[in-house]
Structures are given as C-alpha cells and as structure tokens.
Amino acid sequence: MLMEKPKLVLIDVYETLLNMDEVEKKVNDLLGSKRGYALWMELFMEYCFVDSCIDKFNNFTSIAKGTMQMAAGVFKVSLDEDDFNQALDLLKHLPLQGNVAKGLSMISDLNIRIAALTNSPESIARERMERTGLISYFEKLLSAEHIGKYKPWKDVYLWAAKTLQLEPSEILFVTVHGWDLAGANNAGMKTAYIKQSKQMLYPLAPVPELICSDLVDLAHQTANVNINIGS
C-alpha cells in the first residue's frame, strides 16, 4: 500500500521533541519513589481526558499540580507550592531528544511544512523552541488550550487541521505516545510512531503508517513522493 507524501508533519512536543528525563528524576525525588513519575503521568493524562469527557477545562498547570498532589497522597509525602513549581519549571529547560534538529532540517528540505501540537500551554512550548533555536522550523505551535479540550479528543486534531488549512488526511502526525496516535488516526490523519523504550503502541488501535527510530529516520522514510507502507 502506498501513502502520498504528506503536505505537513505535525509533531507532538513533550517526549517526542523534548526529553523528559530531568522531570522524571525530579518528580521521583519529590515523591520518594522510582515509580513516582510514572504514577503522576498516568494520573495527569487520565484527568486531562476526564476534563475533555465532562466538558470542563482546567488549565494544564492546574491539572499537573492537582495530579501531583494525588500522587503524593499515594506515596504519603507532603508537597508544597515550591515543590510543584520546581518540577514544572523544568519544562522550560528540557533538552532535545536525539537527532531532532537534524531531522527537522531534513524534513524542511523536503519542502514539507512543519507544525507542533501539544496539550501544554503554547507559551511554554514556544519559549522552549525559541531557546533551542528550532522555532524557525515550525510555521505554527498549536496548543489544545485554545480549543478547551485535550488530546486525544478528536476535536483537537480537527481544529489543528482547520487552523493549518489542510484536510486531516494531508497531515502526518508524529508522536511517541500510543494514545496520541490513536486520537490522530481517529481524526483522519496519517500517523508516525517514534519508537521509545518507555512508550508503546496501543495494540487495539490501527497500526501507524510509519514506525521510525527518530526524526532523521522519519525524514528518510518520507523522502520519496510515495512511501511503501509496511516495507
């Protein structure tokens, strides 16, 4: 089966472009457990989804703090406002994942448009992309905060496609998260999975069109007008 070259590559930000290891270490230290970060992220994503389902929008930072407090309760530790702020401030200083700069350059050289779609506030994502010097590759940094829903809610991806003035099928959505791939696929986008040891595909969702080791590999796989999917 063949897939046409996408008109735009739409990329998730956290863990796909930015490495979260420093946040993981900090949260584990605060919660006093090697399982602290994993539990917090599970609760964090769960309650972003809950907000979308019940038509109630709490901002990303509020949900982050609320679910970290829930995780602290599980591990029976006490956190104050400074603890929360120390962990969340790290989001402004995260290093890039491997080969991100080179991969973005290669995708741009293929005359494929590039944008980002994140659940986090646009200001935080924009600041980080500006500090890394990569902001010029992105024609838009889109945040779910503008629609009042969180990925993987279908409307977020459809809103992104409309904002980018493209049909969903003309977009290749790229992420390390299985739930995000399922959401983009449900909205009609093509999808690409960047393999990571700490992430996995959801086995009950459609298989992504592309499975890549990093953005450089993604660029190589999109170098031709048509891609033989599954080869």
Protein backbone atom coordinates (compact mmCIF):
# COMPACT_ATOMS: atom_id res chain seq x y z
CA MET A 1 0.00 0.00 0.00
CA LEU A 2 1.23 3.48 -0.88
CA MET A 3 0.94 6.72 1.07
CA GLU A 4 1.41 10.07 -0.61
CA LYS A 5 3.99 12.42 0.80
CA PRO A 6 2.28 14.50 3.50
CA LYS A 7 1.81 18.21 3.00
CA LEU A 8 2.61 18.83 6.65
CA VAL A 9 4.25 16.98 9.51
CA LEU A 10 2.51 17.75 12.82
CA ILE A 11 4.66 16.83 15.81
CA ASP A 12 3.86 16.27 19.47
CA VAL A 13 6.22 18.18 21.79
CA TYR A 14 6.87 16.53 25.17
CA GLU A 15 8.81 13.25 24.99
CA THR A 16 8.66 13.41 21.18
CA LEU A 17 10.79 16.53 20.69
CA LEU A 18 11.85 17.21 24.28
CA ASN A 19 13.48 14.76 26.67
CA MET A 20 11.64 14.44 29.99
CA ASP A 21 14.34 12.56 31.92
CA GLU A 22 15.14 15.55 34.16
CA VAL A 23 11.48 15.96 35.10
CA GLU A 24 11.22 12.23 35.79
CA LYS A 25 14.21 12.36 38.15
CA LYS A 26 12.87 15.44 39.94
CA VAL A 27 9.37 14.01 40.43
CA ASN A 28 10.76 10.68 41.63
CA ASP A 29 12.88 12.57 44.18
CA LEU A 30 9.91 14.65 45.36
CA LEU A 31 7.66 11.61 45.72
CA GLY A 32 10.38 9.39 47.18
CA SER A 33 9.81 6.55 44.73
CA LYS A 34 11.16 5.32 41.41
CA ARG A 35 7.52 4.85 40.43
CA GLY A 36 6.59 8.44 41.26
CA TYR A 37 6.88 9.95 37.81
CA ALA A 38 5.09 7.05 36.12
CA LEU A 39 2.14 7.32 38.51
CA TRP A 40 2.00 11.09 38.18
CA MET A 41 1.98 10.96 34.38
CA GLU A 42 -0.70 8.28 34.44
CA LEU A 43 -2.90 10.47 36.65
CA PHE A 44 -2.00 13.60 34.69
CA MET A 45 -3.12 12.14 31.37
CA GLU A 46 -6.14 10.45 32.93
CA TYR A 47 -7.53 13.68 34.30
CA CYS A 48 -6.81 15.63 31.13
CA PHE A 49 -9.01 13.02 29.44
CA VAL A 50 -11.61 13.33 32.22
CA ASP A 51 -11.85 17.09 31.70
CA SER A 52 -12.44 16.59 27.99
CA CYS A 53 -15.14 13.99 28.62
CA ILE A 54 -17.07 16.09 31.13
CA ASP A 55 -16.75 19.36 29.16
CA LYS A 56 -14.77 21.05 31.92
CA PHE A 57 -11.50 22.73 31.05
CA ASN A 58 -8.89 23.19 33.75
CA ASN A 59 -5.60 24.61 32.54
CA PHE A 60 -2.65 22.29 32.05
CA THR A 61 -0.68 23.60 35.02
CA SER A 62 -3.63 23.19 37.38
CA ILE A 63 -4.10 19.58 36.34
CA ALA A 64 -0.36 18.95 36.66
CA LYS A 65 -0.34 20.28 40.22
CA GLY A 66 -3.58 18.56 41.22
CA THR A 67 -2.49 15.15 39.99
CA MET A 68 0.95 15.53 41.55
CA GLN A 69 -0.81 16.12 44.85
CA MET A 70 -2.83 12.95 44.25
CA ALA A 71 0.38 11.01 43.56
CA ALA A 72 1.92 12.46 46.72
CA GLY A 73 -1.05 11.10 48.64
CA VAL A 74 -0.38 7.61 47.29
CA PHE A 75 3.24 7.76 48.46
CA LYS A 76 2.30 9.52 51.71
CA VAL A 77 4.54 12.54 51.19
CA SER A 78 3.77 16.22 51.61
CA LEU A 79 4.45 18.70 48.82
CA ASP A 80 4.23 22.48 48.92
CA GLU A 81 3.91 25.09 46.19
CA ASP A 82 7.69 25.39 45.80
CA ASP A 83 7.93 21.65 45.13
CA PHE A 84 5.35 21.88 42.36
CA ASN A 85 7.00 24.93 40.83
CA GLN A 86 10.47 23.34 40.83
CA ALA A 87 9.19 20.35 38.87
CA LEU A 88 7.08 22.35 36.42
CA ASP A 89 9.82 24.93 35.85
CA LEU A 90 11.98 22.17 34.38
CA LEU A 91 9.57 22.05 31.42
CA LYS A 92 11.12 25.34 30.30
CA HIS A 93 14.63 23.89 30.18
CA LEU A 94 14.29 20.38 28.77
CA PRO A 95 16.95 19.11 26.37
CA LEU A 96 16.06 17.88 22.90
CA GLN A 97 15.67 14.24 22.03
CA GLY A 98 18.38 12.82 19.79
CA ASN A 99 18.55 13.92 16.15
CA VAL A 100 15.67 16.41 16.49
CA ALA A 101 17.48 19.37 14.91
CA LYS A 102 18.88 17.29 12.06
CA GLY A 103 15.53 15.60 11.46
CA LEU A 104 13.62 18.88 11.32
CA SER A 105 16.17 20.27 8.88
CA MET A 106 15.82 17.21 6.64
CA ILE A 107 12.02 17.36 6.70
CA SER A 108 12.13 21.06 5.84
CA ASP A 109 14.50 20.33 2.94
CA LEU A 110 11.81 18.01 1.54
CA ASN A 111 9.50 21.05 1.26
CA ILE A 112 7.15 19.56 3.83
CA ARG A 113 5.56 22.03 6.20
CA ILE A 114 6.14 21.50 9.93
CA ALA A 115 3.96 22.40 12.92
CA ALA A 116 3.59 21.22 16.52
CA LEU A 117 0.52 20.24 18.52
CA THR A 118 0.70 20.00 22.31
CA ASN A 119 -1.58 19.76 25.31
CA SER A 120 0.71 22.15 27.21
CA PRO A 121 0.34 25.95 27.15
CA GLU A 122 1.57 27.50 23.92
CA SER A 123 3.76 29.95 25.83
CA ILE A 124 5.79 27.16 27.47
CA ALA A 125 6.29 25.23 24.22
CA ARG A 126 7.14 28.39 22.29
CA GLU A 127 9.68 29.53 24.88
CA ARG A 128 11.45 26.17 24.76
CA MET A 129 11.54 26.06 20.96
CA GLU A 130 12.91 29.61 20.89
CA ARG A 131 15.66 28.74 23.39
CA THR A 132 16.67 25.69 21.35
CA GLY A 133 16.80 27.79 18.20
CA LEU A 134 14.36 25.47 16.42
CA ILE A 135 11.38 27.82 16.33
CA SER A 136 12.08 28.77 12.70
CA TYR A 137 11.22 25.24 11.53
CA PHE A 138 7.65 25.50 12.85
CA GLU A 139 5.08 27.55 10.99
CA LYS A 140 2.76 27.16 13.97
CA LEU A 141 2.89 25.91 17.55
CA LEU A 142 -0.66 24.83 18.37
CA SER A 143 -1.91 24.26 21.89
CA ALA A 144 -5.06 22.41 22.90
CA GLU A 145 -5.70 25.23 25.38
CA HIS A 146 -7.16 27.27 22.51
CA ILE A 147 -9.99 24.78 21.95
CA GLY A 148 -10.60 23.88 25.60
CA LYS A 149 -10.10 20.14 25.09
CA TYR A 150 -7.08 17.88 25.38
CA LYS A 151 -5.64 15.29 23.03
CA PRO A 152 -6.66 12.57 22.21
CA TRP A 153 -10.08 14.24 21.87
CA LYS A 154 -10.94 14.16 18.17
CA ASP A 155 -11.86 17.84 18.02
CA VAL A 156 -8.31 18.89 18.93
CA TYR A 157 -6.82 17.27 15.82
CA LEU A 158 -9.64 18.52 13.58
CA TRP A 159 -9.15 22.04 14.94
CA ALA A 160 -5.42 21.78 14.22
CA ALA A 161 -6.07 20.67 10.63
CA LYS A 162 -8.54 23.52 10.10
CA THR A 163 -6.10 26.04 11.57
CA LEU A 164 -3.40 24.74 9.22
CA GLN A 165 -5.87 24.92 6.30
CA LEU A 166 -5.43 21.26 5.41
CA GLU A 167 -7.55 18.15 5.33
CA PRO A 168 -6.65 15.73 8.16
CA SER A 169 -5.59 13.15 5.56
CA GLU A 170 -2.92 15.56 4.26
CA ILE A 171 -1.21 15.64 7.65
CA LEU A 172 1.27 13.15 9.13
CA PHE A 173 1.02 13.26 12.91
CA VAL A 174 4.20 12.23 14.75
CA THR A 175 4.48 11.18 18.39
CA VAL A 176 5.92 8.64 20.82
CA HIS A 177 2.54 8.15 22.53
CA GLY A 178 0.18 5.34 21.57
CA TRP A 179 -2.88 7.22 22.85
CA ASP A 180 -1.93 10.26 20.74
CA LEU A 181 -1.55 8.13 17.62
CA ALA A 182 -4.98 6.61 18.22
CA GLY A 183 -6.50 10.08 18.56
CA ALA A 184 -4.90 11.44 15.39
CA ASN A 185 -5.90 8.35 13.43
CA ASN A 186 -9.48 8.72 14.66
CA ALA A 187 -9.48 12.27 13.27
CA GLY A 188 -8.36 11.02 9.85
CA MET A 189 -4.67 11.90 9.99
CA LYS A 190 -1.84 9.66 8.86
CA THR A 191 0.41 8.74 11.77
CA ALA A 192 4.06 8.03 12.52
CA TYR A 193 5.35 6.41 15.70
CA ILE A 194 8.77 7.36 17.05
CA LYS A 195 9.92 4.31 18.99
CA GLN A 196 10.99 4.81 22.60
CA SER A 197 11.80 2.22 25.24
CA LYS A 198 9.41 3.80 27.78
CA GLN A 199 6.48 4.15 25.35
CA MET A 200 4.43 1.62 23.43
CA LEU A 201 1.75 1.31 20.80
CA TYR A 202 -1.84 0.62 21.82
CA PRO A 203 -2.47 -2.85 20.33
CA LEU A 204 -6.21 -2.23 19.79
CA ALA A 205 -5.62 0.91 17.68
CA PRO A 206 -4.75 0.93 13.95
CA VAL A 207 -1.07 0.42 13.18
CA PRO A 208 0.69 3.70 12.28
CA GLU A 209 1.61 4.25 8.65
CA LEU A 210 5.24 4.74 9.68
CA ILE A 211 7.35 3.41 12.54
CA CYS A 212 10.63 5.29 12.96
CA SER A 213 13.62 5.36 15.27
CA ASP A 214 13.83 9.18 15.30
CA LEU A 215 13.07 12.24 13.17
CA VAL A 216 16.02 11.56 10.87
CA ASP A 217 14.59 8.14 10.11
CA LEU A 218 11.19 9.79 9.59
CA ALA A 219 12.74 12.17 7.06
CA HIS A 220 14.38 9.28 5.22
CA GLN A 221 11.07 7.43 5.04
CA THR A 222 9.26 10.47 3.63
CA ALA A 223 11.99 11.35 1.12
CA ASN A 224 10.06 9.88 -1.79
CA VAL A 225 6.72 11.08 -3.10
CA ASN A 226 5.19 7.71 -2.35
CA ILE A 227 6.08 5.51 0.62
CA ASN A 228 5.63 1.79 0.56
CA ILE A 229 3.94 1.26 3.91
CA GLY A 230 4.90 -1.91 5.70
CA SER A 231 8.08 -2.48 3.71
